[in-house]
Amino acid sequence: MGKFVMRKSASGYRFDLKATNGQVIAVSEVYETEAACRNGIASVAKNAPAANLEDQTVEGWERVKHPKFEMYIDKAGEYRFRLKATNGQIIATGESYTTKTACENGIDSVRRNAADAPTVEEED
């Protein structure tokens, strides 16, 4: 079972979504307040399991409705994803992957772990 880990930094609050093995599979933006960060966690838990996949790595890709995962190629030529909520805001991002398959597996892991991650731990 995955878990969300929230932490406070000098600039605000952030969270990571960790898989069962403890690996970070998605990270959040910086939120000004703890309450806003907790709302972000709730949004990922709600949106990730049902999110569509918009594969921007293929020519002529089609836009899909929110919530959605956008899979794209970054400036370094690696695969990445971002999760957007129903309102179009980015609520989580993934690491870079060297292959498309690995990125798709990362998205699937976020879907599974966000749905099964009732735990919110706080880290210093």
N, C-alpha and C. Protein backbone atom coordinates (compact mmCIF):
# COMPACT_ATOMS: atom_id res chain seq x y z
N MET A 1 0.83 -1.17 0.00
CA MET A 1 0.00 0.00 0.00
C MET A 1 0.88 1.24 0.00
N GLY A 2 0.59 2.16 -0.88
CA GLY A 2 1.36 3.40 -0.96
C GLY A 2 0.98 4.35 0.15
N LYS A 3 1.69 5.47 0.20
CA LYS A 3 1.37 6.49 1.20
C LYS A 3 1.80 7.86 0.71
N PHE A 4 1.11 8.86 1.20
CA PHE A 4 1.48 10.24 0.96
C PHE A 4 2.33 10.69 2.13
N VAL A 5 3.42 11.39 1.83
CA VAL A 5 4.29 11.93 2.87
C VAL A 5 4.38 13.43 2.66
N MET A 6 3.91 14.16 3.67
CA MET A 6 3.89 15.62 3.59
C MET A 6 5.05 16.17 4.42
N ARG A 7 5.68 17.23 3.91
CA ARG A 7 6.77 17.85 4.66
C ARG A 7 6.75 19.36 4.50
N LYS A 8 7.23 20.01 5.54
CA LYS A 8 7.32 21.47 5.54
C LYS A 8 8.74 21.86 5.15
N SER A 9 8.83 22.88 4.32
CA SER A 9 10.14 23.42 3.94
C SER A 9 10.12 24.92 4.18
N ALA A 10 11.20 25.57 3.88
CA ALA A 10 11.28 27.02 4.07
C ALA A 10 10.26 27.75 3.20
N SER A 11 9.92 27.15 2.06
CA SER A 11 9.01 27.83 1.13
C SER A 11 7.55 27.41 1.26
N GLY A 12 7.26 26.41 2.10
CA GLY A 12 5.88 25.98 2.28
C GLY A 12 5.78 24.48 2.53
N TYR A 13 4.72 23.87 2.03
CA TYR A 13 4.46 22.44 2.22
C TYR A 13 4.45 21.71 0.89
N ARG A 14 4.96 20.49 0.90
CA ARG A 14 4.98 19.62 -0.29
C ARG A 14 4.58 18.22 0.13
N PHE A 15 4.22 17.41 -0.85
CA PHE A 15 4.01 16.00 -0.55
C PHE A 15 4.62 15.14 -1.64
N ASP A 16 4.97 13.93 -1.25
CA ASP A 16 5.41 12.88 -2.16
C ASP A 16 4.39 11.76 -2.06
N LEU A 17 4.17 11.08 -3.16
CA LEU A 17 3.42 9.82 -3.14
C LEU A 17 4.47 8.73 -3.26
N LYS A 18 4.49 7.84 -2.26
CA LYS A 18 5.46 6.76 -2.25
C LYS A 18 4.75 5.44 -2.51
N ALA A 19 5.40 4.59 -3.31
CA ALA A 19 4.88 3.26 -3.58
C ALA A 19 5.12 2.37 -2.36
N THR A 20 4.59 1.18 -2.41
CA THR A 20 4.74 0.21 -1.31
C THR A 20 6.20 -0.02 -0.95
N ASN A 21 7.09 0.01 -1.95
CA ASN A 21 8.51 -0.22 -1.71
C ASN A 21 9.25 1.01 -1.19
N GLY A 22 8.52 2.11 -0.98
CA GLY A 22 9.13 3.33 -0.44
C GLY A 22 9.65 4.29 -1.50
N GLN A 23 9.61 3.90 -2.76
CA GLN A 23 10.10 4.75 -3.83
C GLN A 23 9.11 5.89 -4.10
N VAL A 24 9.63 7.11 -4.27
CA VAL A 24 8.80 8.26 -4.61
C VAL A 24 8.37 8.12 -6.06
N ILE A 25 7.06 8.16 -6.29
CA ILE A 25 6.55 7.99 -7.66
C ILE A 25 5.88 9.25 -8.19
N ALA A 26 5.60 10.21 -7.32
CA ALA A 26 5.04 11.49 -7.75
C ALA A 26 5.30 12.52 -6.66
N VAL A 27 5.44 13.77 -7.08
CA VAL A 27 5.69 14.87 -6.15
C VAL A 27 4.72 16.01 -6.45
N SER A 28 4.53 16.86 -5.48
CA SER A 28 3.61 17.99 -5.63
C SER A 28 4.36 19.28 -5.84
N GLU A 29 3.57 20.31 -6.11
CA GLU A 29 4.09 21.67 -6.11
C GLU A 29 4.27 22.09 -4.65
N VAL A 30 4.73 23.32 -4.42
CA VAL A 30 4.82 23.86 -3.07
C VAL A 30 3.51 24.58 -2.76
N TYR A 31 2.94 24.25 -1.61
CA TYR A 31 1.71 24.89 -1.13
C TYR A 31 2.05 25.84 0.01
N GLU A 32 1.31 26.93 0.12
CA GLU A 32 1.58 27.91 1.18
C GLU A 32 1.18 27.41 2.56
N THR A 33 0.10 26.62 2.61
CA THR A 33 -0.40 26.18 3.91
C THR A 33 -0.50 24.65 3.97
N GLU A 34 -0.54 24.14 5.19
CA GLU A 34 -0.72 22.70 5.38
C GLU A 34 -2.09 22.27 4.85
N ALA A 35 -3.10 23.08 5.08
CA ALA A 35 -4.45 22.75 4.61
C ALA A 35 -4.50 22.63 3.09
N ALA A 36 -3.84 23.54 2.40
CA ALA A 36 -3.80 23.49 0.93
C ALA A 36 -3.07 22.24 0.46
N CYS A 37 -2.01 21.86 1.16
CA CYS A 37 -1.26 20.65 0.81
C CYS A 37 -2.14 19.42 1.00
N ARG A 38 -2.88 19.38 2.09
CA ARG A 38 -3.79 18.26 2.33
C ARG A 38 -4.89 18.20 1.25
N ASN A 39 -5.35 19.34 0.79
CA ASN A 39 -6.32 19.38 -0.31
C ASN A 39 -5.70 18.82 -1.59
N GLY A 40 -4.42 19.13 -1.81
CA GLY A 40 -3.70 18.59 -2.97
C GLY A 40 -3.61 17.07 -2.91
N ILE A 41 -3.33 16.55 -1.73
CA ILE A 41 -3.26 15.10 -1.54
C ILE A 41 -4.62 14.48 -1.85
N ALA A 42 -5.68 15.08 -1.33
CA ALA A 42 -7.04 14.57 -1.58
C ALA A 42 -7.36 14.60 -3.07
N SER A 43 -6.90 15.63 -3.76
CA SER A 43 -7.15 15.75 -5.19
C SER A 43 -6.44 14.66 -5.98
N VAL A 44 -5.20 14.36 -5.61
CA VAL A 44 -4.47 13.27 -6.28
C VAL A 44 -5.15 11.94 -6.01
N ALA A 45 -5.53 11.70 -4.77
CA ALA A 45 -6.19 10.44 -4.42
C ALA A 45 -7.50 10.27 -5.19
N LYS A 46 -8.21 11.35 -5.40
CA LYS A 46 -9.49 11.31 -6.11
C LYS A 46 -9.30 11.19 -7.62
N ASN A 47 -8.38 11.97 -8.18
CA ASN A 47 -8.25 12.08 -9.64
C ASN A 47 -7.38 11.03 -10.30
N ALA A 48 -6.31 10.60 -9.65
CA ALA A 48 -5.35 9.69 -10.29
C ALA A 48 -5.98 8.37 -10.76
N PRO A 49 -6.77 7.70 -9.93
CA PRO A 49 -7.29 6.40 -10.36
C PRO A 49 -8.14 6.45 -11.64
N ALA A 50 -8.86 7.54 -11.85
CA ALA A 50 -9.77 7.64 -12.99
C ALA A 50 -9.21 8.48 -14.14
N ALA A 51 -8.01 9.02 -13.98
CA ALA A 51 -7.46 9.94 -14.97
C ALA A 51 -7.19 9.26 -16.31
N ASN A 52 -7.53 9.96 -17.37
CA ASN A 52 -7.24 9.50 -18.73
C ASN A 52 -5.75 9.69 -19.00
N LEU A 53 -5.26 9.10 -20.07
CA LEU A 53 -3.87 9.29 -20.49
C LEU A 53 -3.83 10.03 -21.80
N GLU A 54 -3.14 11.16 -21.81
CA GLU A 54 -2.93 11.94 -23.02
C GLU A 54 -1.47 11.75 -23.40
N ASP A 55 -1.23 10.97 -24.44
CA ASP A 55 0.13 10.64 -24.87
C ASP A 55 0.64 11.68 -25.86
N GLN A 56 1.35 12.65 -25.33
CA GLN A 56 1.88 13.74 -26.16
C GLN A 56 3.19 13.37 -26.84
N THR A 57 3.59 12.10 -26.72
CA THR A 57 4.84 11.67 -27.33
C THR A 57 4.63 11.16 -28.75
N VAL A 58 3.39 11.02 -29.17
CA VAL A 58 3.10 10.52 -30.51
C VAL A 58 2.65 11.67 -31.40
N GLU A 59 2.97 11.55 -32.66
CA GLU A 59 2.59 12.59 -33.61
C GLU A 59 1.08 12.61 -33.76
N GLY A 60 0.51 13.81 -33.78
CA GLY A 60 -0.93 13.96 -33.96
C GLY A 60 -1.73 13.53 -32.75
N TRP A 61 -1.15 13.60 -31.55
CA TRP A 61 -1.83 13.17 -30.34
C TRP A 61 -3.13 13.93 -30.14
N GLU A 62 -4.07 13.26 -29.50
CA GLU A 62 -5.38 13.83 -29.25
C GLU A 62 -5.51 14.29 -27.81
N ARG A 63 -6.15 15.44 -27.62
CA ARG A 63 -6.44 15.93 -26.28
C ARG A 63 -7.53 15.07 -25.65
N VAL A 64 -7.39 14.81 -24.37
CA VAL A 64 -8.41 14.08 -23.64
C VAL A 64 -8.92 14.94 -22.49
N LYS A 65 -10.06 14.57 -21.94
CA LYS A 65 -10.68 15.34 -20.87
C LYS A 65 -9.91 15.21 -19.57
N HIS A 66 -10.03 16.24 -18.74
CA HIS A 66 -9.49 16.21 -17.38
C HIS A 66 -10.43 15.39 -16.51
N PRO A 67 -9.96 14.74 -15.48
CA PRO A 67 -8.56 14.66 -15.06
C PRO A 67 -7.78 13.79 -16.03
N LYS A 68 -6.48 14.08 -16.12
CA LYS A 68 -5.66 13.33 -17.06
C LYS A 68 -4.19 13.33 -16.65
N PHE A 69 -3.52 12.30 -17.11
CA PHE A 69 -2.07 12.25 -17.08
C PHE A 69 -1.60 12.72 -18.44
N GLU A 70 -0.69 13.66 -18.48
CA GLU A 70 -0.05 14.07 -19.73
C GLU A 70 1.34 13.46 -19.74
N MET A 71 1.59 12.59 -20.72
CA MET A 71 2.91 12.00 -20.89
C MET A 71 3.60 12.77 -22.01
N TYR A 72 4.83 13.22 -21.76
CA TYR A 72 5.53 14.05 -22.73
C TYR A 72 7.03 13.78 -22.66
N ILE A 73 7.75 14.33 -23.61
CA ILE A 73 9.21 14.20 -23.64
C ILE A 73 9.80 15.54 -23.21
N ASP A 74 10.69 15.51 -22.22
CA ASP A 74 11.27 16.74 -21.70
C ASP A 74 12.45 17.21 -22.56
N LYS A 75 13.05 18.31 -22.16
CA LYS A 75 14.16 18.91 -22.93
C LYS A 75 15.37 17.99 -23.03
N ALA A 76 15.52 17.09 -22.06
CA ALA A 76 16.65 16.15 -22.07
C ALA A 76 16.34 14.91 -22.91
N GLY A 77 15.14 14.85 -23.50
CA GLY A 77 14.77 13.71 -24.33
C GLY A 77 14.24 12.52 -23.55
N GLU A 78 13.86 12.75 -22.27
CA GLU A 78 13.33 11.66 -21.45
C GLU A 78 11.82 11.81 -21.28
N TYR A 79 11.19 10.71 -20.92
CA TYR A 79 9.74 10.67 -20.75
C TYR A 79 9.37 11.14 -19.35
N ARG A 80 8.30 11.92 -19.27
CA ARG A 80 7.79 12.43 -18.00
C ARG A 80 6.27 12.43 -18.04
N PHE A 81 5.67 12.59 -16.87
CA PHE A 81 4.22 12.77 -16.81
C PHE A 81 3.86 13.81 -15.76
N ARG A 82 2.70 14.40 -15.96
CA ARG A 82 2.11 15.29 -14.97
C ARG A 82 0.64 14.91 -14.87
N LEU A 83 0.10 15.01 -13.67
CA LEU A 83 -1.30 14.72 -13.43
C LEU A 83 -2.03 16.04 -13.28
N LYS A 84 -3.09 16.20 -14.08
CA LYS A 84 -3.90 17.41 -14.00
C LYS A 84 -5.28 17.06 -13.46
N ALA A 85 -5.77 17.91 -12.58
CA ALA A 85 -7.09 17.72 -11.97
C ALA A 85 -8.19 18.10 -12.96
N THR A 86 -9.41 17.95 -12.53
CA THR A 86 -10.58 18.28 -13.35
C THR A 86 -10.54 19.73 -13.82
N ASN A 87 -9.98 20.63 -13.00
CA ASN A 87 -9.91 22.05 -13.35
C ASN A 87 -8.69 22.40 -14.21
N GLY A 88 -7.88 21.40 -14.56
CA GLY A 88 -6.72 21.64 -15.42
C GLY A 88 -5.44 21.97 -14.68
N GLN A 89 -5.49 22.09 -13.35
CA GLN A 89 -4.29 22.39 -12.58
C GLN A 89 -3.41 21.16 -12.44
N ILE A 90 -2.09 21.37 -12.52
CA ILE A 90 -1.14 20.28 -12.29
C ILE A 90 -1.13 20.00 -10.79
N ILE A 91 -1.40 18.74 -10.41
CA ILE A 91 -1.45 18.38 -9.00
C ILE A 91 -0.33 17.42 -8.59
N ALA A 92 0.35 16.83 -9.56
CA ALA A 92 1.49 15.96 -9.26
C ALA A 92 2.31 15.76 -10.53
N THR A 93 3.60 15.52 -10.34
CA THR A 93 4.49 15.24 -11.47
C THR A 93 5.34 14.02 -11.14
N GLY A 94 5.81 13.37 -12.18
CA GLY A 94 6.66 12.20 -12.01
C GLY A 94 8.10 12.52 -12.34
N GLU A 95 8.96 11.56 -12.05
CA GLU A 95 10.37 11.69 -12.38
C GLU A 95 10.57 11.49 -13.88
N SER A 96 11.79 11.59 -14.34
CA SER A 96 12.07 11.32 -15.75
C SER A 96 12.36 9.83 -15.93
N TYR A 97 11.97 9.31 -17.10
CA TYR A 97 12.16 7.90 -17.43
C TYR A 97 12.87 7.82 -18.78
N THR A 98 13.71 6.82 -18.94
CA THR A 98 14.44 6.68 -20.20
C THR A 98 13.61 6.01 -21.28
N THR A 99 12.56 5.28 -20.88
CA THR A 99 11.72 4.62 -21.88
C THR A 99 10.25 4.96 -21.66
N LYS A 100 9.50 4.87 -22.71
CA LYS A 100 8.06 5.13 -22.65
C LYS A 100 7.37 4.09 -21.76
N THR A 101 7.77 2.84 -21.87
CA THR A 101 7.18 1.78 -21.07
C THR A 101 7.37 2.05 -19.58
N ALA A 102 8.55 2.50 -19.20
CA ALA A 102 8.82 2.81 -17.80
C ALA A 102 7.94 3.96 -17.32
N CYS A 103 7.73 4.95 -18.17
CA CYS A 103 6.87 6.08 -17.82
C CYS A 103 5.42 5.61 -17.67
N GLU A 104 4.96 4.77 -18.57
CA GLU A 104 3.60 4.22 -18.46
C GLU A 104 3.45 3.41 -17.18
N ASN A 105 4.48 2.65 -16.82
CA ASN A 105 4.45 1.90 -15.56
C ASN A 105 4.40 2.84 -14.36
N GLY A 106 5.10 3.96 -14.45
CA GLY A 106 5.06 4.97 -13.39
C GLY A 106 3.65 5.54 -13.22
N ILE A 107 3.00 5.81 -14.33
CA ILE A 107 1.62 6.32 -14.29
C ILE A 107 0.70 5.28 -13.66
N ASP A 108 0.84 4.03 -14.06
CA ASP A 108 0.02 2.97 -13.49
C ASP A 108 0.26 2.83 -11.98
N SER A 109 1.50 2.98 -11.57
CA SER A 109 1.84 2.91 -10.15
C SER A 109 1.18 4.05 -9.37
N VAL A 110 1.17 5.25 -9.94
CA VAL A 110 0.51 6.38 -9.29
C VAL A 110 -0.98 6.11 -9.17
N ARG A 111 -1.59 5.61 -10.24
CA ARG A 111 -3.03 5.28 -10.19
C ARG A 111 -3.34 4.32 -9.04
N ARG A 112 -2.57 3.24 -8.97
CA ARG A 112 -2.82 2.21 -7.94
C ARG A 112 -2.53 2.73 -6.53
N ASN A 113 -1.38 3.35 -6.37
CA ASN A 113 -0.96 3.76 -5.03
C ASN A 113 -1.73 4.95 -4.50
N ALA A 114 -2.16 5.86 -5.35
CA ALA A 114 -2.96 7.01 -4.89
C ALA A 114 -4.30 6.53 -4.37
N ALA A 115 -4.88 5.55 -5.04
CA ALA A 115 -6.19 5.03 -4.64
C ALA A 115 -6.10 4.28 -3.32
N ASP A 116 -4.97 3.63 -3.08
CA ASP A 116 -4.81 2.79 -1.89
C ASP A 116 -3.99 3.47 -0.79
N ALA A 117 -3.82 4.78 -0.87
CA ALA A 117 -2.91 5.46 0.06
C ALA A 117 -3.67 6.35 1.04
N PRO A 118 -4.32 5.75 2.00
CA PRO A 118 -5.05 6.57 2.97
C PRO A 118 -4.13 7.27 3.96
N THR A 119 -2.90 6.82 4.05
CA THR A 119 -1.97 7.33 5.04
C THR A 119 -1.34 8.64 4.59
N VAL A 120 -1.37 9.62 5.47
CA VAL A 120 -0.62 10.85 5.25
C VAL A 120 0.33 10.98 6.43
N GLU A 121 1.61 10.84 6.12
CA GLU A 121 2.62 10.98 7.18
C GLU A 121 3.27 12.34 7.04
N GLU A 122 3.74 12.87 8.14
CA GLU A 122 4.44 14.14 8.11
C GLU A 122 5.91 13.89 8.40
N GLU A 123 6.75 14.53 7.60
CA GLU A 123 8.20 14.45 7.77
C GLU A 123 8.73 15.82 8.07
N ASP A 124 9.79 15.87 8.83
CA ASP A 124 10.44 17.16 9.09
C ASP A 124 11.38 17.51 7.99
